Protein backbone atom coordinates (compact mmCIF):
# COMPACT_ATOMS: atom_id res chain seq x y z
CA MET A 1 142.81 147.04 107.46
CA THR A 2 140.78 143.94 108.77
CA THR A 3 140.27 140.80 106.74
CA SER A 4 136.35 139.77 106.84
CA VAL A 5 135.47 136.21 106.46
CA LEU A 6 132.01 134.89 106.23
CA VAL A 7 131.47 131.89 107.59
CA VAL A 8 128.78 129.79 106.16
CA GLU A 9 127.71 127.11 109.12
CA ASP A 10 124.67 125.56 110.16
CA GLU A 11 125.66 123.94 113.09
CA PRO A 12 126.20 126.24 116.06
CA ALA A 13 129.58 124.73 117.68
CA ILE A 14 131.42 124.52 114.27
CA LEU A 15 130.01 127.79 113.73
CA GLU A 16 131.40 128.95 117.09
CA LEU A 17 134.42 126.94 116.97
CA VAL A 18 135.51 128.63 113.19
CA ALA A 19 134.57 132.31 114.55
CA ILE A 20 136.90 132.01 117.79
CA ASN A 21 139.65 130.73 115.94
CA LEU A 22 139.41 133.04 113.33
CA ARG A 23 138.62 135.88 115.62
CA HIS A 24 141.94 135.17 117.26
CA ALA A 25 144.12 135.05 113.79
CA GLY A 26 143.13 138.95 114.06
CA PHE A 27 140.11 138.43 111.16
CA GLN A 28 136.88 140.00 111.35
CA VAL A 29 134.26 137.16 111.32
CA ILE A 30 130.37 137.36 110.11
CA ARG A 31 128.33 135.07 110.32
CA ALA A 32 125.49 133.27 108.77
CA THR A 33 123.64 129.96 108.76
CA SER A 34 122.25 129.28 105.52
CA ALA A 35 123.02 130.38 101.80
CA GLU A 36 120.32 132.76 101.93
CA GLU A 37 121.24 134.63 104.66
CA ALA A 38 124.95 134.92 103.23
CA ASP A 39 123.76 135.85 100.22
CA ALA A 40 121.70 139.10 101.95
CA VAL A 41 125.44 139.69 103.42
CA ILE A 42 127.20 139.70 100.60
CA ARG A 43 124.77 141.76 99.03
CA ASN A 44 125.26 144.25 101.49
CA GLU A 45 129.37 144.40 102.01
CA LEU A 46 131.20 142.04 100.22
CA PRO A 47 133.57 139.95 102.28
CA ASP A 48 137.39 139.26 101.63
CA LEU A 49 137.05 135.43 101.80
CA LEU A 50 133.96 132.76 102.24
CA VAL A 51 134.45 129.88 104.44
CA LEU A 52 131.10 127.47 103.11
CA ASP A 53 129.78 124.71 104.27
CA TRP A 54 128.44 121.62 102.04
CA MET A 55 125.46 120.48 103.68
CA LEU A 56 123.29 123.50 104.67
CA PRO A 57 119.36 123.94 105.08
CA GLY A 58 118.06 125.27 102.06
CA GLN A 59 120.13 125.81 98.92
CA SER A 60 122.93 123.52 99.33
CA GLY A 61 126.64 124.84 99.45
CA VAL A 62 127.62 123.97 96.43
CA SER A 63 124.88 125.36 94.41
CA PHE A 64 125.61 128.57 96.58
CA ALA A 65 129.18 128.52 95.21
CA GLN A 66 128.29 128.30 91.56
CA LYS A 67 125.83 130.97 91.97
CA LEU A 68 128.57 133.12 93.18
CA ARG A 69 130.75 132.03 90.43
CA GLY A 70 128.38 132.72 87.78
CA ASP A 71 127.99 136.44 89.27
CA GLU A 72 131.18 138.95 87.94
CA ARG A 73 130.52 141.03 91.03
CA THR A 74 131.79 137.71 93.72
CA ARG A 75 133.06 135.70 90.73
CA GLU A 76 136.39 136.07 92.31
CA LEU A 77 135.52 135.82 95.92
CA PRO A 78 137.93 133.01 97.60
CA ILE A 79 136.02 130.54 98.91
CA ILE A 80 136.77 127.32 101.21
CA MET A 81 134.49 124.51 101.15
CA LEU A 82 134.25 122.84 104.33
CA THR A 83 132.10 119.60 104.75
CA ALA A 84 131.91 115.98 106.33
CA ARG A 85 132.29 114.78 102.51
CA VAL A 86 135.59 113.10 102.22
CA HIS A 87 135.35 110.79 99.16
CA GLU A 88 137.53 111.67 95.53
CA GLU A 89 134.19 112.71 93.81
CA ASP A 90 132.73 115.00 96.71
CA LYS A 91 136.23 116.86 96.46
CA ILE A 92 135.74 117.39 92.72
CA GLN A 93 132.34 118.22 93.00
CA GLY A 94 133.27 120.94 95.35
CA LEU A 95 136.17 122.30 93.35
CA GLU A 96 134.01 122.08 90.11
CA ALA A 97 131.60 124.07 91.80
CA GLY A 98 133.96 126.57 92.38
CA ALA A 99 135.38 126.51 95.83
CA ASP A 100 139.35 126.75 95.93
CA ASP A 101 140.10 124.97 98.21
CA TYR A 102 138.74 121.98 100.58
CA VAL A 103 138.62 120.71 104.21
CA THR A 104 137.06 118.06 105.53
CA LYS A 105 135.25 117.39 108.97
CA PRO A 106 136.76 116.94 111.72
CA PHE A 107 139.09 119.46 110.94
CA SER A 108 142.15 121.40 112.68
CA PRO A 109 141.17 124.90 113.46
CA LYS A 110 144.83 125.88 113.40
CA GLU A 111 144.87 124.14 110.01
CA LEU A 112 141.74 125.82 108.71
CA VAL A 113 142.89 129.30 109.43
CA ALA A 114 146.48 128.24 108.07
CA ARG A 115 144.56 127.26 105.05
CA VAL A 116 142.67 130.70 104.63
CA ARG A 117 146.00 132.57 105.04
CA ALA A 118 147.81 130.28 102.26
CA LEU A 119 144.55 130.72 100.24
CA LEU A 120 144.63 134.96 100.60
CA ARG A 121 148.00 134.65 99.86
CA ARG A 122 147.26 133.25 96.41
CA ARG A 123 144.42 134.92 95.49
CA ALA A 124 144.46 138.53 97.74
CA PRO A 125 147.87 139.10 98.76
CA HIS A 126 147.07 142.13 99.91
CA LEU A 127 144.71 140.94 102.62
CA ALA A 128 147.36 138.21 103.92
CA GLY A 129 148.65 140.40 106.50
CA GLU A 130 152.26 139.95 105.78
CA ALA A 131 155.08 142.04 105.45
CA VAL A 132 156.05 143.06 101.71
CA GLU A 133 159.13 144.88 99.80
CA VAL A 134 160.03 145.95 96.51
CA GLY A 135 163.22 147.25 96.62
CA SER A 136 164.10 149.32 99.58
CA LEU A 137 160.69 150.01 100.47
CA SER A 138 158.70 147.38 102.61
CA LEU A 139 155.78 147.77 104.42
CA ASN A 140 154.19 145.79 107.01
CA PRO A 141 150.67 145.92 107.56
CA ALA A 142 151.06 143.92 111.22
CA THR A 143 152.92 146.73 112.52
CA HIS A 144 151.14 149.68 110.02
CA ARG A 145 155.13 150.63 109.24
CA VAL A 146 156.28 151.94 106.05
CA LEU A 147 160.33 152.30 105.39
CA ALA A 148 161.80 153.35 102.74
CA GLY A 149 166.14 152.67 102.51
CA GLY A 150 165.84 151.89 106.18
CA GLN A 151 163.76 154.88 107.19
CA PRO A 152 160.15 155.74 108.01
CA VAL A 153 157.56 156.73 106.06
CA GLU A 154 154.28 158.20 107.58
CA LEU A 155 151.57 157.60 105.88
CA GLY A 156 147.79 158.47 106.75
CA PRO A 157 145.50 155.51 106.71
CA THR A 158 144.00 155.72 103.50
CA GLU A 159 147.63 156.00 101.94
CA PHE A 160 148.27 153.46 103.75
CA ARG A 161 146.14 151.20 102.29
CA LEU A 162 146.70 152.16 98.68
CA LEU A 163 150.17 151.58 98.62
CA PHE A 164 150.17 148.30 100.63
CA PHE A 165 147.25 147.45 97.35
CA PHE A 166 149.90 148.81 94.91
CA MET A 167 153.15 147.09 96.30
CA THR A 168 151.05 143.60 95.99
CA HIS A 169 149.44 144.23 92.17
CA PRO A 170 152.80 145.96 90.73
CA GLU A 171 152.66 146.45 87.02
CA ARG A 172 148.91 146.24 86.28
CA VAL A 173 146.82 148.90 85.51
CA TYR A 174 143.69 149.84 87.69
CA SER A 175 141.36 152.50 86.52
CA ARG A 176 140.00 154.82 89.63
CA ALA A 177 136.71 152.69 89.91
CA GLN A 178 138.72 149.56 90.52
CA LEU A 179 141.04 151.30 93.05
CA LEU A 180 137.74 152.31 95.28
CA ASP A 181 136.43 149.11 94.93
CA GLU A 182 139.49 147.32 96.08
CA VAL A 183 141.14 149.91 98.50
CA TRP A 184 137.85 151.87 99.66
CA GLY A 185 134.96 148.95 99.31
CA ASP A 186 132.88 148.20 96.66
CA HIS A 187 129.66 149.51 98.61
CA VAL A 188 131.43 152.82 99.03
CA PHE A 189 130.29 155.76 96.80
CA ILE A 190 132.38 158.73 96.92
CA GLU A 191 133.91 160.48 93.61
CA GLU A 192 136.62 158.67 91.61
CA ARG A 193 138.61 161.85 91.47
CA THR A 194 139.30 161.06 95.01
CA VAL A 195 141.48 158.46 93.93
CA ASP A 196 143.92 161.41 92.14
CA VAL A 197 143.91 163.43 96.17
CA HIS A 198 145.55 160.48 97.65
CA ILE A 199 147.32 159.45 94.92
CA ARG A 200 149.27 163.04 95.38
CA ARG A 201 149.43 162.33 98.81
CA LEU A 202 151.45 159.40 98.17
CA ARG A 203 153.48 160.27 96.08
CA ALA A 204 154.65 163.33 98.08
CA ALA A 205 155.18 160.63 101.29
CA LEU A 206 157.32 158.75 98.84
CA GLU A 207 159.28 161.81 97.18
CA PRO A 208 161.95 162.40 99.58
CA SER A 209 163.00 158.94 99.06
CA GLY A 210 162.34 158.68 95.32
CA HIS A 211 159.78 155.94 95.59
CA HIS A 212 157.37 158.27 94.06
CA GLU A 213 158.40 157.72 90.66
CA ARG A 214 156.54 153.51 91.27
CA VAL A 215 153.39 154.91 91.06
CA GLU A 216 152.92 155.93 87.10
CA THR A 217 150.34 157.40 86.07
CA VAL A 218 148.94 155.67 82.47
CA ARG A 219 147.36 158.59 80.63
CA GLY A 220 143.57 157.60 79.90
CA THR A 221 143.04 154.37 81.89
CA GLY A 222 144.38 154.91 85.77
CA TYR A 223 148.00 153.47 87.66
CA ARG A 224 150.76 151.53 87.92
CA PHE A 225 152.94 150.64 90.51
CA SER A 226 155.98 149.59 89.17
CA GLY A 227 158.07 147.13 90.88
CA ALA A 228 161.45 147.11 88.87
């Protein structure tokens, strides 16, 4: 369950620096050198986060960010603006265009990685790669281990991703279509009832510890994970 980061930067040295450091931090890196190239990447598969340079050939990063925020599919895509513009009015313009964070050049690669992780914790906690606990149920994405009352729980890859998403989004109701987008990916086209199969498998694995009751069916809507 590798988190993907699309880096849009037209300066080869900076693009390489950012890509290397993100890969070393465990992220899958996708590269683009223009907004147009990035748009083609996003149409094919939505990344988990975007690192976007302001000054790009053709369409600017600010204009591209505005376009993404105006599209329902990319409206919630986390965006970090990367730029040499350091004035306060520039930062305000970048943030108002839709950027969630703003990093100025020259920058520390370690700080950029930290900001990527921090933004994921705020916007998409299930992608930040950190352990999560709900009651006596704990899940560690780094070690791919689930414990219930200190005892290991064996889960398949899909059930693991499903549980991780539920545990980082408790008390919210998700339809089958939403779960397919969030857990399987928005470009995966499979039958919505497939979700029910994996929900049953997840509940069966959690049943010995009693945590299966946390996975609630909301009639006519979908599923909810109880964090109480």
